[in-house]
């Protein structure tokens, strides 16, 4: 899957982007606290994300691989995911 699609989907669905040294960090807040986050490399050689890395991202976001792909393809909504995160009290802080 193209990194461009992942970046776009995450930012369009409530994730805030911040800069790391070699990565972009995408975080979602619930009740003003970071609940979940994932990292995307910004190196020029990384235009595609492997299935293995997609799986790691899904795990970081507390989703199954299928649910994460549904989220990126917009068949799993921001509202559904936000409520899932909120109801399950995920928090990184």
N, C-alpha and C. Protein backbone atom coordinates (compact mmCIF):
# COMPACT_ATOMS: atom_id res chain seq x y z
N UNK A 1 0.84 -1.18 0.00
CA UNK A 1 0.00 0.00 0.00
C UNK A 1 0.88 1.24 0.00
N UNK A 2 0.45 2.24 -0.70
CA UNK A 2 1.20 3.49 -0.81
C UNK A 2 1.18 4.27 0.50
N UNK A 3 2.33 4.76 0.91
CA UNK A 3 2.42 5.58 2.12
C UNK A 3 1.56 6.83 1.99
N UNK A 4 1.51 7.38 0.80
CA UNK A 4 0.71 8.58 0.56
C UNK A 4 -0.75 8.35 0.96
N UNK A 5 -1.28 7.19 0.62
CA UNK A 5 -2.67 6.86 0.96
C UNK A 5 -2.85 6.75 2.48
N UNK A 6 -1.88 6.14 3.14
CA UNK A 6 -1.95 5.98 4.59
C UNK A 6 -1.90 7.34 5.27
N UNK A 7 -0.96 8.17 4.87
CA UNK A 7 -0.85 9.52 5.45
C UNK A 7 -2.15 10.29 5.28
N UNK A 8 -2.69 10.27 4.09
CA UNK A 8 -3.92 10.99 3.80
C UNK A 8 -5.08 10.47 4.63
N UNK A 9 -5.23 9.15 4.69
CA UNK A 9 -6.33 8.56 5.44
C UNK A 9 -6.23 8.91 6.93
N UNK A 10 -5.04 8.82 7.50
CA UNK A 10 -4.89 9.11 8.92
C UNK A 10 -5.18 10.57 9.23
N UNK A 11 -4.64 11.48 8.44
CA UNK A 11 -4.88 12.90 8.72
C UNK A 11 -6.32 13.30 8.45
N UNK A 12 -6.96 12.68 7.47
CA UNK A 12 -8.37 12.99 7.18
C UNK A 12 -9.32 12.38 8.20
N UNK A 13 -8.81 11.47 9.01
CA UNK A 13 -9.67 10.78 9.97
C UNK A 13 -9.25 11.05 11.42
N UNK A 14 -8.85 12.26 11.70
CA UNK A 14 -8.67 12.68 13.08
C UNK A 14 -7.31 12.50 13.71
N UNK A 15 -6.34 12.00 12.98
CA UNK A 15 -5.01 11.85 13.55
C UNK A 15 -4.22 13.14 13.36
N UNK A 16 -3.47 13.50 14.39
CA UNK A 16 -2.58 14.66 14.31
C UNK A 16 -1.19 14.18 13.94
N UNK A 17 -0.55 14.92 13.06
CA UNK A 17 0.78 14.56 12.58
C UNK A 17 1.83 15.41 13.29
N UNK A 18 2.90 14.75 13.75
CA UNK A 18 4.04 15.47 14.30
C UNK A 18 5.31 14.86 13.70
N UNK A 19 6.38 15.63 13.78
CA UNK A 19 7.64 15.22 13.16
C UNK A 19 8.57 14.57 14.17
N UNK A 20 9.12 13.43 13.79
CA UNK A 20 10.21 12.81 14.52
C UNK A 20 11.47 13.02 13.70
N UNK A 21 12.59 12.46 14.12
CA UNK A 21 13.83 12.69 13.38
C UNK A 21 13.78 12.10 11.97
N UNK A 22 13.35 10.87 11.81
CA UNK A 22 13.24 10.24 10.50
C UNK A 22 11.84 9.73 10.21
N UNK A 23 10.91 10.10 11.07
CA UNK A 23 9.57 9.56 10.96
C UNK A 23 8.52 10.65 11.18
N UNK A 24 7.32 10.33 10.77
CA UNK A 24 6.15 11.14 11.09
C UNK A 24 5.33 10.33 12.09
N UNK A 25 4.87 10.99 13.13
CA UNK A 25 4.10 10.32 14.16
C UNK A 25 2.65 10.78 14.03
N UNK A 26 1.75 9.81 13.94
CA UNK A 26 0.32 10.10 13.81
C UNK A 26 -0.37 9.66 15.09
N UNK A 27 -1.00 10.61 15.79
CA UNK A 27 -1.62 10.34 17.08
C UNK A 27 -3.07 10.78 17.08
N UNK A 28 -3.89 10.06 17.84
CA UNK A 28 -5.28 10.43 18.03
C UNK A 28 -5.50 10.66 19.52
N UNK A 29 -6.13 11.78 19.84
CA UNK A 29 -6.42 12.10 21.23
C UNK A 29 -7.88 11.79 21.55
N UNK A 30 -8.07 11.33 22.77
CA UNK A 30 -9.40 11.14 23.33
C UNK A 30 -9.37 11.84 24.68
N UNK A 31 -10.31 12.73 24.90
CA UNK A 31 -10.35 13.51 26.14
C UNK A 31 -9.02 14.21 26.39
N UNK A 32 -8.47 14.79 25.35
CA UNK A 32 -7.24 15.59 25.38
C UNK A 32 -5.98 14.80 25.73
N UNK A 33 -6.05 13.47 25.71
CA UNK A 33 -4.88 12.63 25.95
C UNK A 33 -4.63 11.77 24.73
N UNK A 34 -3.36 11.54 24.42
CA UNK A 34 -3.04 10.66 23.30
C UNK A 34 -3.49 9.25 23.66
N UNK A 35 -4.38 8.72 22.83
CA UNK A 35 -4.92 7.38 23.06
C UNK A 35 -4.18 6.34 22.24
N UNK A 36 -3.88 6.66 20.99
CA UNK A 36 -3.17 5.74 20.11
C UNK A 36 -2.26 6.53 19.18
N UNK A 37 -1.19 5.87 18.72
CA UNK A 37 -0.31 6.51 17.74
C UNK A 37 0.43 5.45 16.95
N UNK A 38 0.90 5.87 15.79
CA UNK A 38 1.71 5.01 14.95
C UNK A 38 2.74 5.87 14.24
N UNK A 39 3.74 5.24 13.68
CA UNK A 39 4.86 5.95 13.06
C UNK A 39 4.96 5.55 11.59
N UNK A 40 5.26 6.54 10.75
CA UNK A 40 5.48 6.30 9.32
C UNK A 40 6.83 6.90 8.95
N UNK A 41 7.67 6.11 8.28
CA UNK A 41 8.97 6.60 7.84
C UNK A 41 8.77 7.62 6.74
N UNK A 42 9.62 8.63 6.72
CA UNK A 42 9.50 9.63 5.65
C UNK A 42 10.67 9.58 4.68
N UNK A 43 11.44 8.52 4.71
CA UNK A 43 12.54 8.36 3.76
C UNK A 43 12.03 8.23 2.33
N UNK A 44 12.78 8.75 1.39
CA UNK A 44 12.34 8.74 -0.02
C UNK A 44 12.26 7.34 -0.60
N UNK A 45 12.96 6.39 0.00
CA UNK A 45 12.93 5.02 -0.53
C UNK A 45 11.71 4.24 -0.03
N UNK A 46 10.89 4.86 0.78
CA UNK A 46 9.74 4.18 1.37
C UNK A 46 8.43 4.70 0.78
N UNK A 47 8.13 4.33 -0.44
CA UNK A 47 6.87 4.78 -1.05
C UNK A 47 5.76 3.77 -0.83
N UNK A 48 6.13 2.53 -0.53
CA UNK A 48 5.17 1.46 -0.26
C UNK A 48 5.40 0.92 1.14
N UNK A 49 4.32 0.49 1.78
CA UNK A 49 4.43 -0.14 3.09
C UNK A 49 4.16 -1.63 2.93
N UNK A 50 5.03 -2.44 3.48
CA UNK A 50 4.88 -3.89 3.38
C UNK A 50 3.72 -4.37 4.25
N UNK A 51 3.27 -5.59 4.01
CA UNK A 51 2.21 -6.18 4.82
C UNK A 51 2.65 -6.30 6.27
N UNK A 52 3.91 -6.61 6.47
CA UNK A 52 4.44 -6.74 7.82
C UNK A 52 4.34 -5.41 8.58
N UNK A 53 4.71 -4.31 7.92
CA UNK A 53 4.62 -3.00 8.57
C UNK A 53 3.17 -2.56 8.76
N UNK A 54 2.31 -2.88 7.80
CA UNK A 54 0.88 -2.59 7.96
C UNK A 54 0.33 -3.31 9.18
N UNK A 55 0.77 -4.53 9.38
CA UNK A 55 0.33 -5.32 10.52
C UNK A 55 0.81 -4.68 11.84
N UNK A 56 2.03 -4.19 11.86
CA UNK A 56 2.56 -3.51 13.05
C UNK A 56 1.77 -2.23 13.35
N UNK A 57 1.46 -1.49 12.30
CA UNK A 57 0.68 -0.26 12.47
C UNK A 57 -0.70 -0.59 13.02
N UNK A 58 -1.32 -1.61 12.47
CA UNK A 58 -2.65 -2.03 12.94
C UNK A 58 -2.60 -2.37 14.43
N UNK A 59 -1.58 -3.10 14.83
CA UNK A 59 -1.43 -3.49 16.23
C UNK A 59 -1.26 -2.25 17.12
N UNK A 60 -0.44 -1.30 16.68
CA UNK A 60 -0.24 -0.06 17.44
C UNK A 60 -1.54 0.69 17.63
N UNK A 61 -2.44 0.59 16.66
CA UNK A 61 -3.71 1.31 16.69
C UNK A 61 -4.85 0.45 17.25
N UNK A 62 -4.51 -0.71 17.78
CA UNK A 62 -5.49 -1.62 18.40
C UNK A 62 -6.58 -2.05 17.41
N UNK A 63 -6.14 -2.39 16.20
CA UNK A 63 -7.05 -2.87 15.17
C UNK A 63 -6.52 -4.17 14.59
N UNK A 64 -7.42 -4.96 14.04
CA UNK A 64 -6.99 -6.12 13.26
C UNK A 64 -6.46 -5.60 11.92
N UNK A 65 -5.74 -6.43 11.21
CA UNK A 65 -5.23 -6.02 9.89
C UNK A 65 -6.40 -5.65 8.98
N UNK A 66 -7.44 -6.47 8.97
CA UNK A 66 -8.59 -6.20 8.10
C UNK A 66 -9.27 -4.89 8.47
N UNK A 67 -9.44 -4.65 9.78
CA UNK A 67 -10.09 -3.42 10.24
C UNK A 67 -9.26 -2.20 9.86
N UNK A 68 -7.92 -2.31 9.97
CA UNK A 68 -7.05 -1.20 9.60
C UNK A 68 -7.19 -0.89 8.11
N UNK A 69 -7.21 -1.91 7.27
CA UNK A 69 -7.40 -1.69 5.83
C UNK A 69 -8.77 -1.08 5.55
N UNK A 70 -9.79 -1.53 6.28
CA UNK A 70 -11.13 -0.93 6.14
C UNK A 70 -11.10 0.54 6.54
N UNK A 71 -10.35 0.85 7.59
CA UNK A 71 -10.23 2.23 8.04
C UNK A 71 -9.56 3.09 6.97
N UNK A 72 -8.50 2.58 6.38
CA UNK A 72 -7.79 3.32 5.34
C UNK A 72 -8.65 3.48 4.08
N UNK A 73 -9.51 2.49 3.81
CA UNK A 73 -10.39 2.55 2.64
C UNK A 73 -11.72 3.24 2.93
N UNK A 74 -11.86 3.75 4.15
CA UNK A 74 -13.04 4.52 4.56
C UNK A 74 -14.32 3.70 4.69
N UNK A 75 -14.22 2.39 4.92
CA UNK A 75 -15.41 1.61 5.20
C UNK A 75 -15.60 1.40 6.71
N UNK A 76 -14.63 1.84 7.49
CA UNK A 76 -14.71 1.87 8.95
C UNK A 76 -14.51 3.33 9.31
N UNK A 77 -15.52 3.95 9.89
CA UNK A 77 -15.51 5.41 10.04
C UNK A 77 -14.68 5.89 11.23
N UNK A 78 -14.35 7.16 11.16
CA UNK A 78 -13.67 7.83 12.27
C UNK A 78 -14.50 7.71 13.54
N UNK A 79 -15.80 7.95 13.45
CA UNK A 79 -16.68 7.91 14.61
C UNK A 79 -16.69 6.52 15.26
N UNK A 80 -16.76 5.49 14.43
CA UNK A 80 -16.73 4.12 14.96
C UNK A 80 -15.41 3.83 15.69
N UNK A 81 -14.32 4.23 15.07
CA UNK A 81 -13.00 3.98 15.67
C UNK A 81 -12.82 4.80 16.94
N UNK A 82 -13.17 6.07 16.89
CA UNK A 82 -13.05 6.95 18.06
C UNK A 82 -13.84 6.38 19.23
N UNK A 83 -15.07 5.96 18.99
CA UNK A 83 -15.89 5.38 20.05
C UNK A 83 -15.29 4.08 20.59
N UNK A 84 -14.73 3.27 19.70
CA UNK A 84 -14.06 2.03 20.12
C UNK A 84 -12.89 2.34 21.05
N UNK A 85 -12.06 3.31 20.66
CA UNK A 85 -10.90 3.69 21.47
C UNK A 85 -11.37 4.25 22.81
N UNK A 86 -12.36 5.11 22.77
CA UNK A 86 -12.86 5.74 24.00
C UNK A 86 -13.48 4.71 24.95
N UNK A 87 -14.29 3.82 24.40
CA UNK A 87 -14.96 2.80 25.23
C UNK A 87 -13.99 1.81 25.84
N UNK A 88 -12.88 1.56 25.18
CA UNK A 88 -11.91 0.59 25.68
C UNK A 88 -10.77 1.25 26.48
N UNK A 89 -10.86 2.55 26.68
CA UNK A 89 -9.94 3.29 27.56
C UNK A 89 -8.47 3.12 27.18
N UNK A 90 -8.19 3.12 25.90
CA UNK A 90 -6.78 3.07 25.49
C UNK A 90 -6.16 4.42 25.78
N UNK A 91 -4.93 4.39 26.24
CA UNK A 91 -4.21 5.63 26.51
C UNK A 91 -2.72 5.35 26.53
N UNK A 92 -1.96 6.26 25.94
CA UNK A 92 -0.50 6.14 25.94
C UNK A 92 0.12 7.00 27.02
N UNK A 93 -0.66 7.87 27.62
CA UNK A 93 -0.12 8.80 28.62
C UNK A 93 -0.13 8.19 30.00
